[in-house]
Amino acid sequence: MIAAHNALTNARIQIRVVTHRASIAIGWEIIVKLTFLGSTSQTGNCPTLFATDHDTYVIQGWRITDPEAVAAMDIPDHETAVEVPRALLGFAPPANPA
C-alpha cells in the first residue's frame, strides 16, 4: 500500500471523464474508477462529487490558496484541500451501518 501511495505521489495523474464516468490513470494502468454522483454547478463542471470503486469519494472543488488557512490544516506536500458548498455533500449516499 505504501509503495502504491508513493507511486501516486510521484506520478503525473490524469483524469478522464466520459459521460458521468471517469478513470484516474497513471501511464497505461487504471487505478480507480469514478462514478459521477452530482454537482452544484449549472454546467456540471465544478464543484463535483464522484464515488470510487474503492468505497471512497473524490471531490472536485476550489483549491484553498489562502496561506493562513493552508497552514492551519498542516497539509502534507502530497495532499491538497478543496472548498465545496455544503449542498454538494447532499449527493453522497447515506453511510451503511457497520
N, C-alpha and C. Protein backbone atom coordinates (compact mmCIF):
# COMPACT_ATOMS: atom_id res chain seq x y z
N MET A 1 0.82 -1.19 0.00
CA MET A 1 0.00 0.00 0.00
C MET A 1 0.87 1.26 0.00
N ILE A 2 1.95 1.26 0.80
CA ILE A 2 2.84 2.43 0.85
C ILE A 2 3.51 2.64 -0.50
N ALA A 3 3.94 1.54 -1.13
CA ALA A 3 4.59 1.66 -2.45
C ALA A 3 3.61 2.26 -3.46
N ALA A 4 2.36 1.82 -3.42
CA ALA A 4 1.36 2.37 -4.34
C ALA A 4 1.14 3.84 -4.06
N HIS A 5 1.10 4.21 -2.77
CA HIS A 5 0.91 5.61 -2.40
C HIS A 5 2.09 6.44 -2.90
N ASN A 6 3.32 5.94 -2.72
CA ASN A 6 4.50 6.66 -3.20
C ASN A 6 4.49 6.80 -4.70
N ALA A 7 4.04 5.77 -5.42
CA ALA A 7 3.95 5.84 -6.88
C ALA A 7 2.97 6.92 -7.28
N LEU A 8 1.84 7.00 -6.57
CA LEU A 8 0.85 8.04 -6.87
C LEU A 8 1.41 9.42 -6.58
N THR A 9 2.12 9.55 -5.49
CA THR A 9 2.67 10.83 -5.10
C THR A 9 3.65 11.36 -6.14
N ASN A 10 4.45 10.47 -6.71
CA ASN A 10 5.50 10.88 -7.63
C ASN A 10 5.07 10.84 -9.10
N ALA A 11 3.87 10.39 -9.39
CA ALA A 11 3.44 10.23 -10.78
C ALA A 11 2.57 11.39 -11.22
N ARG A 12 2.50 11.56 -12.51
CA ARG A 12 1.58 12.53 -13.10
C ARG A 12 0.24 11.84 -13.21
N ILE A 13 -0.79 12.40 -12.62
CA ILE A 13 -2.11 11.77 -12.62
C ILE A 13 -2.99 12.48 -13.64
N GLN A 14 -3.72 11.69 -14.39
CA GLN A 14 -4.57 12.22 -15.44
C GLN A 14 -5.99 11.74 -15.17
N ILE A 15 -6.96 12.64 -15.24
CA ILE A 15 -8.35 12.27 -15.04
C ILE A 15 -9.08 12.43 -16.37
N ARG A 16 -9.76 11.35 -16.77
CA ARG A 16 -10.56 11.39 -17.99
C ARG A 16 -12.02 11.18 -17.63
N VAL A 17 -12.89 12.05 -18.09
CA VAL A 17 -14.32 11.91 -17.80
C VAL A 17 -15.06 11.60 -19.09
N VAL A 18 -15.87 10.55 -19.05
CA VAL A 18 -16.66 10.16 -20.21
C VAL A 18 -18.09 9.92 -19.73
N THR A 19 -19.01 10.76 -20.14
CA THR A 19 -20.42 10.70 -19.75
C THR A 19 -20.65 10.16 -18.34
N HIS A 20 -20.32 10.96 -17.38
CA HIS A 20 -20.56 10.68 -15.97
C HIS A 20 -19.75 9.51 -15.43
N ARG A 21 -18.77 9.03 -16.13
CA ARG A 21 -17.85 8.02 -15.61
C ARG A 21 -16.45 8.49 -15.95
N ALA A 22 -15.52 8.19 -15.11
CA ALA A 22 -14.15 8.64 -15.33
C ALA A 22 -13.18 7.62 -14.78
N SER A 23 -11.95 7.75 -15.17
CA SER A 23 -10.88 6.92 -14.63
C SER A 23 -9.69 7.81 -14.34
N ILE A 24 -9.01 7.54 -13.24
CA ILE A 24 -7.74 8.19 -12.99
C ILE A 24 -6.69 7.19 -13.43
N ALA A 25 -5.79 7.61 -14.29
CA ALA A 25 -4.82 6.69 -14.88
C ALA A 25 -3.40 7.17 -14.67
N ILE A 26 -2.50 6.24 -14.45
CA ILE A 26 -1.06 6.51 -14.44
C ILE A 26 -0.48 5.67 -15.56
N GLY A 27 0.09 6.32 -16.53
CA GLY A 27 0.60 5.57 -17.68
C GLY A 27 -0.56 4.83 -18.33
N TRP A 28 -0.43 3.51 -18.40
CA TRP A 28 -1.47 2.69 -19.02
C TRP A 28 -2.35 2.00 -17.99
N GLU A 29 -2.01 2.10 -16.72
CA GLU A 29 -2.73 1.37 -15.68
C GLU A 29 -3.81 2.23 -15.05
N ILE A 30 -5.05 1.74 -15.01
CA ILE A 30 -6.14 2.44 -14.36
C ILE A 30 -6.11 2.09 -12.87
N ILE A 31 -6.12 3.10 -12.02
CA ILE A 31 -6.04 2.85 -10.59
C ILE A 31 -7.41 2.91 -9.92
N VAL A 32 -8.25 3.83 -10.33
CA VAL A 32 -9.55 3.97 -9.68
C VAL A 32 -10.59 4.40 -10.72
N LYS A 33 -11.78 3.84 -10.60
CA LYS A 33 -12.89 4.23 -11.49
C LYS A 33 -13.78 5.20 -10.72
N LEU A 34 -14.17 6.28 -11.39
CA LEU A 34 -15.03 7.29 -10.78
C LEU A 34 -16.43 7.21 -11.36
N THR A 35 -17.42 7.40 -10.50
CA THR A 35 -18.81 7.49 -10.92
C THR A 35 -19.36 8.84 -10.47
N PHE A 36 -19.87 9.60 -11.40
CA PHE A 36 -20.43 10.92 -11.11
C PHE A 36 -21.63 10.77 -10.19
N LEU A 37 -21.64 11.51 -9.08
CA LEU A 37 -22.77 11.50 -8.16
C LEU A 37 -23.60 12.77 -8.24
N GLY A 38 -22.95 13.89 -8.51
CA GLY A 38 -23.69 15.13 -8.61
C GLY A 38 -22.79 16.34 -8.59
N SER A 39 -23.39 17.47 -8.94
CA SER A 39 -22.67 18.73 -8.97
C SER A 39 -23.64 19.85 -8.63
N THR A 40 -23.13 20.88 -7.98
CA THR A 40 -23.94 22.06 -7.72
C THR A 40 -23.71 23.12 -8.78
N SER A 41 -22.91 22.79 -9.79
CA SER A 41 -22.61 23.70 -10.88
C SER A 41 -23.72 23.64 -11.92
N GLN A 42 -24.02 24.77 -12.50
CA GLN A 42 -25.01 24.81 -13.58
C GLN A 42 -24.53 24.04 -14.81
N THR A 43 -23.21 23.99 -15.01
CA THR A 43 -22.65 23.30 -16.17
C THR A 43 -22.15 21.90 -15.85
N GLY A 44 -22.20 21.51 -14.57
CA GLY A 44 -21.77 20.18 -14.16
C GLY A 44 -20.27 20.01 -14.07
N ASN A 45 -19.51 21.11 -14.06
CA ASN A 45 -18.06 21.01 -14.04
C ASN A 45 -17.49 21.00 -12.63
N CYS A 46 -17.78 22.02 -11.86
CA CYS A 46 -17.18 22.15 -10.54
C CYS A 46 -18.07 23.03 -9.69
N PRO A 47 -18.28 22.68 -8.47
CA PRO A 47 -17.80 21.54 -7.72
C PRO A 47 -18.58 20.27 -8.07
N THR A 48 -17.90 19.13 -7.95
CA THR A 48 -18.49 17.86 -8.35
C THR A 48 -18.09 16.77 -7.36
N LEU A 49 -18.99 15.83 -7.13
CA LEU A 49 -18.73 14.70 -6.25
C LEU A 49 -18.76 13.41 -7.05
N PHE A 50 -17.72 12.59 -6.87
CA PHE A 50 -17.62 11.29 -7.52
C PHE A 50 -17.48 10.20 -6.46
N ALA A 51 -18.01 9.01 -6.73
CA ALA A 51 -17.74 7.83 -5.91
C ALA A 51 -16.67 7.02 -6.63
N THR A 52 -15.85 6.30 -5.87
CA THR A 52 -14.83 5.46 -6.48
C THR A 52 -15.20 3.99 -6.31
N ASP A 53 -14.47 3.15 -7.01
CA ASP A 53 -14.67 1.71 -6.85
C ASP A 53 -13.90 1.18 -5.64
N HIS A 54 -13.34 2.08 -4.83
CA HIS A 54 -12.62 1.72 -3.60
C HIS A 54 -13.42 2.11 -2.36
N ASP A 55 -14.74 2.38 -2.54
CA ASP A 55 -15.62 2.79 -1.45
C ASP A 55 -15.13 4.09 -0.80
N THR A 56 -14.67 5.02 -1.65
CA THR A 56 -14.25 6.35 -1.22
C THR A 56 -14.88 7.38 -2.15
N TYR A 57 -14.61 8.64 -1.90
CA TYR A 57 -15.13 9.72 -2.73
C TYR A 57 -14.01 10.61 -3.23
N VAL A 58 -14.21 11.19 -4.40
CA VAL A 58 -13.32 12.21 -4.95
C VAL A 58 -14.16 13.47 -5.09
N ILE A 59 -13.64 14.57 -4.56
CA ILE A 59 -14.35 15.84 -4.62
C ILE A 59 -13.53 16.81 -5.47
N GLN A 60 -14.18 17.36 -6.48
CA GLN A 60 -13.57 18.41 -7.30
C GLN A 60 -14.11 19.73 -6.77
N GLY A 61 -13.22 20.61 -6.35
CA GLY A 61 -13.66 21.88 -5.79
C GLY A 61 -12.63 22.96 -6.04
N TRP A 62 -12.80 24.06 -5.33
CA TRP A 62 -11.89 25.19 -5.48
C TRP A 62 -10.70 25.00 -4.54
N ARG A 63 -9.50 25.00 -5.08
CA ARG A 63 -8.29 24.82 -4.29
C ARG A 63 -8.16 25.93 -3.24
N ILE A 64 -7.82 25.54 -2.04
CA ILE A 64 -7.59 26.50 -0.96
C ILE A 64 -6.19 27.08 -1.16
N THR A 65 -6.11 28.38 -1.35
CA THR A 65 -4.81 29.02 -1.59
C THR A 65 -4.43 30.02 -0.51
N ASP A 66 -5.35 30.33 0.40
CA ASP A 66 -5.05 31.27 1.48
C ASP A 66 -3.97 30.66 2.37
N PRO A 67 -2.77 31.28 2.44
CA PRO A 67 -1.66 30.70 3.19
C PRO A 67 -1.99 30.41 4.66
N GLU A 68 -2.76 31.28 5.29
CA GLU A 68 -3.11 31.08 6.70
C GLU A 68 -4.01 29.85 6.88
N ALA A 69 -4.98 29.68 5.98
CA ALA A 69 -5.87 28.51 6.05
C ALA A 69 -5.09 27.22 5.77
N VAL A 70 -4.22 27.25 4.78
CA VAL A 70 -3.41 26.07 4.45
C VAL A 70 -2.51 25.70 5.62
N ALA A 71 -1.88 26.69 6.24
CA ALA A 71 -1.00 26.43 7.39
C ALA A 71 -1.79 25.85 8.57
N ALA A 72 -3.00 26.30 8.76
CA ALA A 72 -3.82 25.81 9.88
C ALA A 72 -4.20 24.34 9.70
N MET A 73 -4.23 23.86 8.46
CA MET A 73 -4.60 22.46 8.20
C MET A 73 -3.41 21.52 8.21
N ASP A 74 -2.18 22.03 8.17
CA ASP A 74 -0.99 21.19 8.19
C ASP A 74 -1.07 20.09 7.12
N ILE A 75 -1.20 20.50 5.85
CA ILE A 75 -1.38 19.58 4.73
C ILE A 75 -0.03 19.10 4.21
N PRO A 76 0.18 17.77 4.15
CA PRO A 76 1.42 17.25 3.58
C PRO A 76 1.56 17.63 2.10
N ASP A 77 2.79 17.63 1.59
CA ASP A 77 3.05 18.03 0.20
C ASP A 77 2.29 17.20 -0.83
N HIS A 78 1.99 15.94 -0.53
CA HIS A 78 1.32 15.07 -1.50
C HIS A 78 -0.21 15.17 -1.43
N GLU A 79 -0.74 16.08 -0.60
CA GLU A 79 -2.18 16.27 -0.48
C GLU A 79 -2.55 17.72 -0.80
N THR A 80 -3.84 17.95 -1.00
CA THR A 80 -4.35 19.30 -1.19
C THR A 80 -5.71 19.39 -0.53
N ALA A 81 -6.20 20.59 -0.36
CA ALA A 81 -7.53 20.81 0.20
C ALA A 81 -8.35 21.59 -0.81
N VAL A 82 -9.63 21.26 -0.87
CA VAL A 82 -10.54 21.99 -1.75
C VAL A 82 -11.74 22.44 -0.94
N GLU A 83 -12.36 23.49 -1.42
CA GLU A 83 -13.57 24.02 -0.80
C GLU A 83 -14.75 23.70 -1.71
N VAL A 84 -15.84 23.25 -1.10
CA VAL A 84 -17.06 22.95 -1.85
C VAL A 84 -18.26 23.47 -1.05
N PRO A 85 -19.35 23.77 -1.73
CA PRO A 85 -20.54 24.19 -0.99
C PRO A 85 -21.14 23.01 -0.23
N ARG A 86 -21.75 23.28 0.90
CA ARG A 86 -22.39 22.25 1.71
C ARG A 86 -23.38 21.42 0.90
N ALA A 87 -24.08 22.06 -0.03
CA ALA A 87 -25.10 21.37 -0.83
C ALA A 87 -24.51 20.19 -1.63
N LEU A 88 -23.22 20.27 -1.99
CA LEU A 88 -22.60 19.18 -2.75
C LEU A 88 -22.62 17.88 -1.96
N LEU A 89 -22.46 17.95 -0.66
CA LEU A 89 -22.43 16.75 0.17
C LEU A 89 -23.78 16.04 0.20
N GLY A 90 -24.83 16.73 -0.21
CA GLY A 90 -26.15 16.10 -0.29
C GLY A 90 -26.22 15.02 -1.36
N PHE A 91 -25.26 14.99 -2.29
CA PHE A 91 -25.22 13.94 -3.31
C PHE A 91 -24.61 12.64 -2.80
N ALA A 92 -23.96 12.69 -1.64
CA ALA A 92 -23.34 11.48 -1.07
C ALA A 92 -24.45 10.59 -0.51
N PRO A 93 -24.37 9.29 -0.82
CA PRO A 93 -25.39 8.38 -0.27
C PRO A 93 -25.19 8.23 1.24
N PRO A 94 -26.24 7.82 1.95
CA PRO A 94 -26.07 7.62 3.40
C PRO A 94 -25.06 6.51 3.68
N ALA A 95 -24.35 6.63 4.79
CA ALA A 95 -23.38 5.61 5.18
C ALA A 95 -24.10 4.33 5.57
N ASN A 96 -23.50 3.20 5.21
CA ASN A 96 -24.05 1.91 5.63
C ASN A 96 -23.65 1.65 7.07
N PRO A 97 -24.60 1.22 7.91
CA PRO A 97 -24.23 0.92 9.30
C PRO A 97 -23.26 -0.26 9.34
N ALA A 98 -22.32 -0.19 10.27
CA ALA A 98 -21.29 -1.25 10.37
C ALA A 98 -21.85 -2.51 10.97
